[in-house]
Amino acid sequence: MAGRIVIDSERCKGCGLCVVVCPNRCISISRQSNSSGYFPATADNTECTGCANCAMICPDAAIRVWRASRIVAADKDDSAASRRMAKEKA
């Protein structure tokens, strides 16, 4: 496993954007609702490469992606994480 997806199920509204952009189909929508009544996304990390597409597209900033024991993408308001991602993509 090269990557690990962590989804905050209480922040997730189950929009499904992360499901669509995941190249390895690691994310699905849960059959159980969260405390707000939404059906959040859930991750199966067995095939995760740590690409962070899911975290970048998440409108609720509910997804964190870890690659090799370090964070790759975090909350959208975390400018330090954004700068790290930009350096890694370069």
Protein backbone atom coordinates (compact mmCIF):
# COMPACT_ATOMS: atom_id res chain seq x y z
CA MET A 1 0.00 0.00 0.00
CA ALA A 2 1.58 3.23 -1.15
CA GLY A 3 -1.12 5.52 0.12
CA ARG A 4 -3.80 5.80 2.77
CA ILE A 5 -7.07 7.71 2.57
CA VAL A 6 -8.71 9.00 5.75
CA ILE A 7 -12.24 10.36 5.37
CA ASP A 8 -13.92 12.38 8.12
CA SER A 9 -17.37 10.80 7.87
CA GLU A 10 -19.00 13.61 9.86
CA ARG A 11 -17.81 16.28 7.40
CA CYS A 12 -18.54 14.25 4.27
CA LYS A 13 -21.88 14.87 2.56
CA GLY A 14 -21.55 11.95 0.14
CA CYS A 15 -21.41 14.00 -3.06
CA GLY A 16 -19.46 11.21 -4.79
CA LEU A 17 -16.88 13.41 -6.51
CA CYS A 18 -14.05 11.47 -4.85
CA VAL A 19 -15.53 8.20 -6.10
CA VAL A 20 -15.46 9.48 -9.68
CA VAL A 21 -11.85 10.77 -9.64
CA CYS A 22 -10.22 7.80 -7.89
CA PRO A 23 -8.24 5.95 -10.58
CA ASN A 24 -8.10 2.73 -8.55
CA ARG A 25 -11.70 2.77 -7.32
CA CYS A 26 -10.65 2.84 -3.66
CA ILE A 27 -13.60 4.95 -2.55
CA SER A 28 -17.29 4.13 -2.36
CA ILE A 29 -20.37 5.60 -0.73
CA SER A 30 -21.33 4.06 2.60
CA ARG A 31 -24.68 2.40 3.22
CA GLN A 32 -24.74 3.89 6.73
CA SER A 33 -25.52 7.54 7.30
CA ASN A 34 -23.60 9.92 9.52
CA SER A 35 -25.17 11.98 12.33
CA SER A 36 -26.36 14.58 9.79
CA GLY A 37 -28.17 12.00 7.68
CA TYR A 38 -25.68 12.00 4.79
CA PHE A 39 -24.17 8.82 3.36
CA PRO A 40 -20.42 9.54 3.52
CA ALA A 41 -17.67 8.13 1.38
CA THR A 42 -15.58 5.25 2.71
CA ALA A 43 -12.14 4.14 1.62
CA ASP A 44 -10.65 0.74 0.89
CA ASN A 45 -6.94 1.48 1.04
CA THR A 46 -5.68 -1.79 -0.45
CA GLU A 47 -5.15 -0.25 -3.91
CA CYS A 48 -4.51 3.38 -2.92
CA THR A 49 -1.49 4.94 -4.61
CA GLY A 50 -1.66 8.21 -2.68
CA CYS A 51 -2.44 10.29 -5.77
CA ALA A 52 -4.62 12.65 -3.64
CA ASN A 53 -7.15 13.30 -6.42
CA CYS A 54 -9.92 12.63 -3.92
CA ALA A 55 -8.64 15.17 -1.39
CA MET A 56 -8.13 17.84 -4.03
CA ILE A 57 -11.66 17.56 -5.40
CA CYS A 58 -13.48 17.23 -2.05
CA PRO A 59 -15.64 20.36 -1.59
CA ASP A 60 -15.99 19.69 2.15
CA ALA A 61 -12.27 19.15 2.84
CA ALA A 62 -13.22 15.86 4.49
CA ILE A 63 -10.39 13.77 3.01
CA ARG A 64 -6.76 13.46 3.99
CA VAL A 65 -4.31 11.38 1.99
CA TRP A 66 -1.13 9.93 3.41
CA ARG A 67 1.72 8.63 1.31
CA ALA A 68 4.70 6.86 2.88
CA SER A 69 3.64 7.93 6.40
CA ARG A 70 3.36 11.64 5.63
CA ILE A 71 0.42 13.78 4.67
CA VAL A 72 0.05 14.69 1.00
CA ALA A 73 -3.22 16.63 0.97
CA ALA A 74 -5.09 18.22 3.86
CA ASP A 75 -7.77 20.79 4.51
CA LYS A 76 -8.08 23.37 1.77
CA ASP A 77 -7.44 26.20 4.21
CA ASP A 78 -4.07 24.72 5.18
CA SER A 79 -1.73 26.79 3.01
CA ALA A 80 1.36 24.90 4.21
CA ALA A 81 -0.11 21.64 2.90
CA SER A 82 -0.89 23.36 -0.41
CA ARG A 83 2.70 24.52 -0.75
CA ARG A 84 3.96 20.98 0.02
CA MET A 85 1.67 19.53 -2.63
CA ALA A 86 2.86 22.06 -5.19
CA LYS A 87 6.50 21.17 -4.49
CA GLU A 88 5.79 17.43 -4.78
CA LYS A 89 4.02 17.87 -8.12
CA ALA A 90 6.90 19.88 -9.58
